[in-house]
Amino acid sequence: MSKRNGERRAAFFDVDGTLVQTNVVHYYVYFKWQTLSPLKRVGWACTFLPRLPYYALVDLISRQRFNRLFFQNYQGIAVKDARRWSREILLPLLLKELFPEARRQIQQHQEQGDLVVLVTGSLDFIMEPLRNAIQANALFAARLVENDGFFTGELQGRPISGEEKARLVREYADREGIALEQSYAYGDSIADLPMLQMVGYPVAVNPDRRLRRVAVAARWPILQWQRKG
């Protein structure tokens, strides 16, 4: 499909569950497991694992509330260490979990001259290395408050989910001269619905039950992306 004269086009991608088979819980667990000694892992697991059912319940009720609650786990972690761990430990995990179809879809948009934008509720210091690796044009991700070089566990601003994703897409489009009716968006969760509804070409990728129902009713494309093997 060709662009109309004078208009730019973009492809907006959710990350967790859409581009990669991971989520905010995986990142934190991987952080701790790779950076703690074997003895300390046991103690940490005994306190963290019993909280998982509660986190899952909160996420069902409100993704925004879950994000605020879960990111408190980063309280007291040194910002410098977190950024280094993201580059050295988490980026290889993300690239391993990146769906081959997602990589091809991103490359196709780039070859067509579309801007590639990541819009995710995950933390910015985890997503920035991935953005650089796939050469995305922009990244909108959650940011934690910092104090004296350490994370406080509090979010700066609103969690990036639901209507907040749509707001960020709209503002970016206005700023960059993007024709949203000519643009694409990819998401896997009902929390991505407001973003998907902003564009002319929404695509449901590995959709959850509620998003699948909406996509079927609206006759949106539904894609099933999987890891190799």
Protein backbone atom coordinates (compact mmCIF):
# COMPACT_ATOMS: atom_id res chain seq x y z
CA MET A 1 0.00 0.00 0.00
CA SER A 2 1.49 3.35 -0.96
CA LYS A 3 1.58 6.44 1.22
CA ARG A 4 -0.41 9.46 0.29
CA ASN A 5 1.67 12.52 -0.58
CA GLY A 6 2.99 14.45 2.39
CA GLU A 7 1.95 11.86 5.01
CA ARG A 8 4.10 9.68 7.18
CA ARG A 9 3.08 6.25 8.37
CA ALA A 10 3.99 4.32 11.50
CA ALA A 11 3.72 0.85 12.96
CA PHE A 12 3.06 0.82 16.71
CA PHE A 13 4.02 -2.37 18.55
CA ASP A 14 3.22 -3.54 22.04
CA VAL A 15 6.17 -5.62 23.27
CA ASP A 16 5.29 -8.19 25.94
CA GLY A 17 3.26 -11.01 24.43
CA THR A 18 3.29 -9.32 21.01
CA LEU A 19 6.94 -9.15 19.97
CA VAL A 20 8.36 -11.40 22.68
CA GLN A 21 7.08 -14.27 24.77
CA THR A 22 7.97 -12.56 28.05
CA ASN A 23 6.48 -10.06 30.49
CA VAL A 24 7.35 -7.79 33.40
CA VAL A 25 7.36 -10.67 35.88
CA HIS A 26 9.84 -12.66 33.77
CA TYR A 27 12.24 -9.70 33.60
CA TYR A 28 12.30 -9.20 37.34
CA VAL A 29 12.66 -12.92 38.11
CA TYR A 30 15.48 -13.22 35.57
CA PHE A 31 17.19 -10.21 37.12
CA LYS A 32 17.13 -11.71 40.59
CA TRP A 33 18.01 -15.23 39.52
CA GLN A 34 21.06 -14.12 37.57
CA THR A 35 22.38 -11.65 40.13
CA LEU A 36 21.83 -13.45 43.45
CA SER A 37 24.05 -16.15 44.90
CA PRO A 38 22.53 -19.67 45.02
CA LEU A 39 21.90 -19.35 48.76
CA LYS A 40 20.21 -15.96 48.45
CA ARG A 41 18.08 -17.23 45.58
CA VAL A 42 16.35 -19.66 47.92
CA GLY A 43 15.47 -16.98 50.44
CA TRP A 44 14.27 -14.61 47.74
CA ALA A 45 12.12 -17.28 46.06
CA CYS A 46 10.48 -18.20 49.37
CA THR A 47 9.26 -14.62 49.80
CA PHE A 48 8.48 -13.77 46.18
CA LEU A 49 6.74 -16.86 44.78
CA PRO A 50 3.82 -16.85 47.28
CA ARG A 51 2.93 -13.36 46.05
CA LEU A 52 2.42 -14.44 42.42
CA PRO A 53 -1.27 -15.44 42.77
CA TYR A 54 -2.01 -12.03 44.29
CA TYR A 55 -0.20 -10.26 41.43
CA ALA A 56 -2.19 -12.31 38.91
CA LEU A 57 -5.47 -11.34 40.59
CA VAL A 58 -4.57 -7.64 40.61
CA ASP A 59 -3.62 -7.83 36.93
CA LEU A 60 -7.04 -9.28 36.09
CA ILE A 61 -8.71 -6.38 37.87
CA SER A 62 -6.47 -3.57 36.60
CA ARG A 63 -3.28 -3.68 34.54
CA GLN A 64 -2.42 -0.14 35.71
CA ARG A 65 -2.77 -1.09 39.37
CA PHE A 66 -0.70 -4.23 38.79
CA ASN A 67 2.13 -2.26 37.19
CA ARG A 68 2.31 0.20 40.08
CA LEU A 69 2.27 -2.63 42.59
CA PHE A 70 4.75 -4.91 40.87
CA PHE A 71 7.35 -2.27 40.07
CA GLN A 72 7.75 -1.64 43.80
CA ASN A 73 9.97 -4.73 43.73
CA TYR A 74 12.68 -2.56 42.15
CA GLN A 75 12.93 -0.34 45.22
CA GLY A 76 16.54 0.00 46.35
CA ILE A 77 18.13 -1.35 43.16
CA ALA A 78 20.98 0.80 41.86
CA VAL A 79 20.09 2.48 38.57
CA LYS A 80 23.59 1.95 37.16
CA ASP A 81 23.48 -1.78 37.93
CA ALA A 82 19.98 -2.15 36.47
CA ARG A 83 21.00 -0.56 33.19
CA ARG A 84 24.09 -2.75 32.95
CA TRP A 85 22.09 -5.89 33.75
CA SER A 86 19.59 -4.95 31.06
CA ARG A 87 22.29 -4.71 28.41
CA GLU A 88 24.29 -7.75 29.50
CA ILE A 89 21.65 -10.13 30.87
CA LEU A 90 18.17 -9.20 29.67
CA LEU A 91 18.86 -8.17 26.07
CA PRO A 92 20.08 -11.66 25.10
CA LEU A 93 16.91 -13.07 26.68
CA LEU A 94 14.69 -10.64 24.79
CA LEU A 95 16.37 -11.37 21.46
CA LYS A 96 16.01 -15.09 22.10
CA GLU A 97 12.30 -14.65 22.88
CA LEU A 98 11.63 -12.34 19.92
CA PHE A 99 9.19 -14.07 17.59
CA PRO A 100 10.73 -14.64 14.13
CA GLU A 101 7.49 -13.39 12.54
CA ALA A 102 7.73 -10.23 14.64
CA ARG A 103 11.26 -9.56 13.43
CA ARG A 104 10.15 -10.04 9.81
CA GLN A 105 7.14 -7.76 10.29
CA ILE A 106 9.31 -5.01 11.76
CA GLN A 107 11.79 -5.31 8.90
CA GLN A 108 8.97 -5.16 6.37
CA HIS A 109 7.67 -1.92 7.86
CA GLN A 110 11.18 -0.47 7.89
CA GLU A 111 11.74 -1.41 4.25
CA GLN A 112 8.46 0.35 3.38
CA GLY A 113 9.70 3.51 5.11
CA ASP A 114 7.31 3.25 8.06
CA LEU A 115 8.38 4.51 11.48
CA VAL A 116 8.57 1.69 14.03
CA VAL A 117 7.44 2.64 17.53
CA LEU A 118 7.42 0.47 20.66
CA VAL A 119 4.64 1.24 23.14
CA THR A 120 4.96 -0.85 26.30
CA GLY A 121 4.13 -0.89 29.97
CA SER A 122 7.51 -2.45 30.72
CA LEU A 123 10.36 -0.41 32.15
CA ASP A 124 12.42 1.84 29.93
CA PHE A 125 15.85 0.63 31.02
CA ILE A 126 14.84 -2.92 30.04
CA MET A 127 13.29 -1.92 26.72
CA GLU A 128 15.91 0.58 25.52
CA PRO A 129 18.51 -2.08 24.55
CA LEU A 130 15.80 -3.92 22.57
CA ARG A 131 14.80 -0.71 20.85
CA ASN A 132 18.41 -0.17 19.78
CA ALA A 133 18.81 -3.78 18.65
CA ILE A 134 15.80 -3.70 16.31
CA GLN A 135 16.44 -0.05 15.34
CA ALA A 136 13.00 1.20 16.33
CA ASN A 137 12.43 4.91 15.79
CA ALA A 138 10.86 5.59 19.17
CA LEU A 139 10.10 3.95 22.50
CA PHE A 140 7.39 4.73 25.02
CA ALA A 141 7.97 2.78 28.22
CA ALA A 142 7.41 3.13 31.96
CA ARG A 143 9.99 5.02 34.01
CA LEU A 144 10.81 4.60 37.69
CA VAL A 145 11.54 7.48 40.04
CA GLU A 146 15.24 7.71 40.94
CA ASN A 147 16.74 9.03 44.17
CA ASP A 148 20.50 9.28 44.76
CA GLY A 149 21.21 6.68 42.08
CA PHE A 150 18.63 4.14 43.28
CA PHE A 151 15.08 3.30 42.18
CA THR A 152 12.34 4.18 44.66
CA GLY A 153 9.91 1.62 43.19
CA GLU A 154 7.46 4.38 42.22
CA LEU A 155 6.43 5.14 38.65
CA GLN A 156 6.96 8.50 37.01
CA GLY A 157 3.56 9.46 35.68
CA ARG A 158 0.83 7.05 34.70
CA PRO A 159 1.32 3.36 33.88
CA ILE A 160 1.46 2.82 30.12
CA SER A 161 -1.61 0.74 29.48
CA GLY A 162 -5.10 1.18 28.07
CA GLU A 163 -5.99 4.80 27.34
CA GLU A 164 -2.47 5.96 28.20
CA LYS A 165 -1.13 4.00 25.22
CA ALA A 166 -3.69 5.67 22.96
CA ARG A 167 -2.75 9.11 24.32
CA LEU A 168 0.95 8.53 23.65
CA VAL A 169 0.23 7.30 20.12
CA ARG A 170 -1.96 10.32 19.40
CA GLU A 171 0.61 12.80 20.71
CA TYR A 172 3.43 11.13 18.78
CA ALA A 173 1.38 11.16 15.60
CA ASP A 174 0.59 14.86 16.01
CA ARG A 175 4.23 15.69 16.72
CA GLU A 176 5.70 13.64 13.87
CA GLY A 177 3.01 14.23 11.26
CA ILE A 178 1.81 10.61 11.24
CA ALA A 179 -1.38 9.71 9.40
CA LEU A 180 -2.97 7.35 11.92
CA GLU A 181 -5.62 6.21 9.43
CA GLN A 182 -2.75 4.92 7.28
CA SER A 183 -0.81 3.41 10.19
CA TYR A 184 -0.63 0.01 11.89
CA ALA A 185 -0.77 -1.18 15.50
CA TYR A 186 -0.03 -4.62 16.93
CA GLY A 187 -1.15 -5.86 20.35
CA ASP A 188 -1.98 -9.03 22.24
CA SER A 189 -4.04 -7.84 25.19
CA ILE A 190 -7.34 -6.11 25.84
CA ALA A 191 -5.13 -3.47 27.49
CA ASP A 192 -3.87 -2.66 23.96
CA LEU A 193 -7.37 -2.08 22.59
CA PRO A 194 -7.39 1.75 22.82
CA MET A 195 -4.09 1.85 20.90
CA LEU A 196 -5.38 -0.56 18.26
CA GLN A 197 -8.50 1.55 17.79
CA MET A 198 -6.37 4.62 17.04
CA VAL A 199 -5.08 3.34 13.69
CA GLY A 200 -6.49 2.36 10.33
CA TYR A 201 -4.87 -1.09 10.38
CA PRO A 202 -5.06 -2.77 13.80
CA VAL A 203 -3.67 -6.30 14.14
CA ALA A 204 -4.29 -8.70 17.03
CA VAL A 205 -1.24 -10.86 17.74
CA ASN A 206 -1.65 -13.91 20.01
CA PRO A 207 -4.73 -12.16 21.45
CA ASP A 208 -6.15 -12.91 24.85
CA ARG A 209 -9.76 -14.04 25.02
CA ARG A 210 -11.29 -10.57 25.29
CA LEU A 211 -9.19 -9.03 22.54
CA ARG A 212 -9.86 -11.98 20.25
CA ARG A 213 -13.58 -11.46 20.67
CA VAL A 214 -13.24 -7.78 19.70
CA ALA A 215 -10.95 -8.59 16.76
CA VAL A 216 -13.32 -11.22 15.38
CA ALA A 217 -16.30 -8.86 15.64
CA ALA A 218 -14.36 -6.03 13.96
CA ARG A 219 -12.82 -8.38 11.37
CA TRP A 220 -9.28 -7.38 12.28
CA PRO A 221 -6.41 -9.64 11.21
CA ILE A 222 -5.48 -12.16 13.91
CA LEU A 223 -1.91 -13.49 13.86
CA GLN A 224 -0.38 -16.33 15.86
CA TRP A 225 3.34 -15.74 16.30
CA GLN A 226 5.48 -18.43 17.89
CA ARG A 227 9.06 -19.00 18.89
CA LYS A 228 11.24 -21.30 16.84
CA GLY A 229 10.82 -24.93 17.85
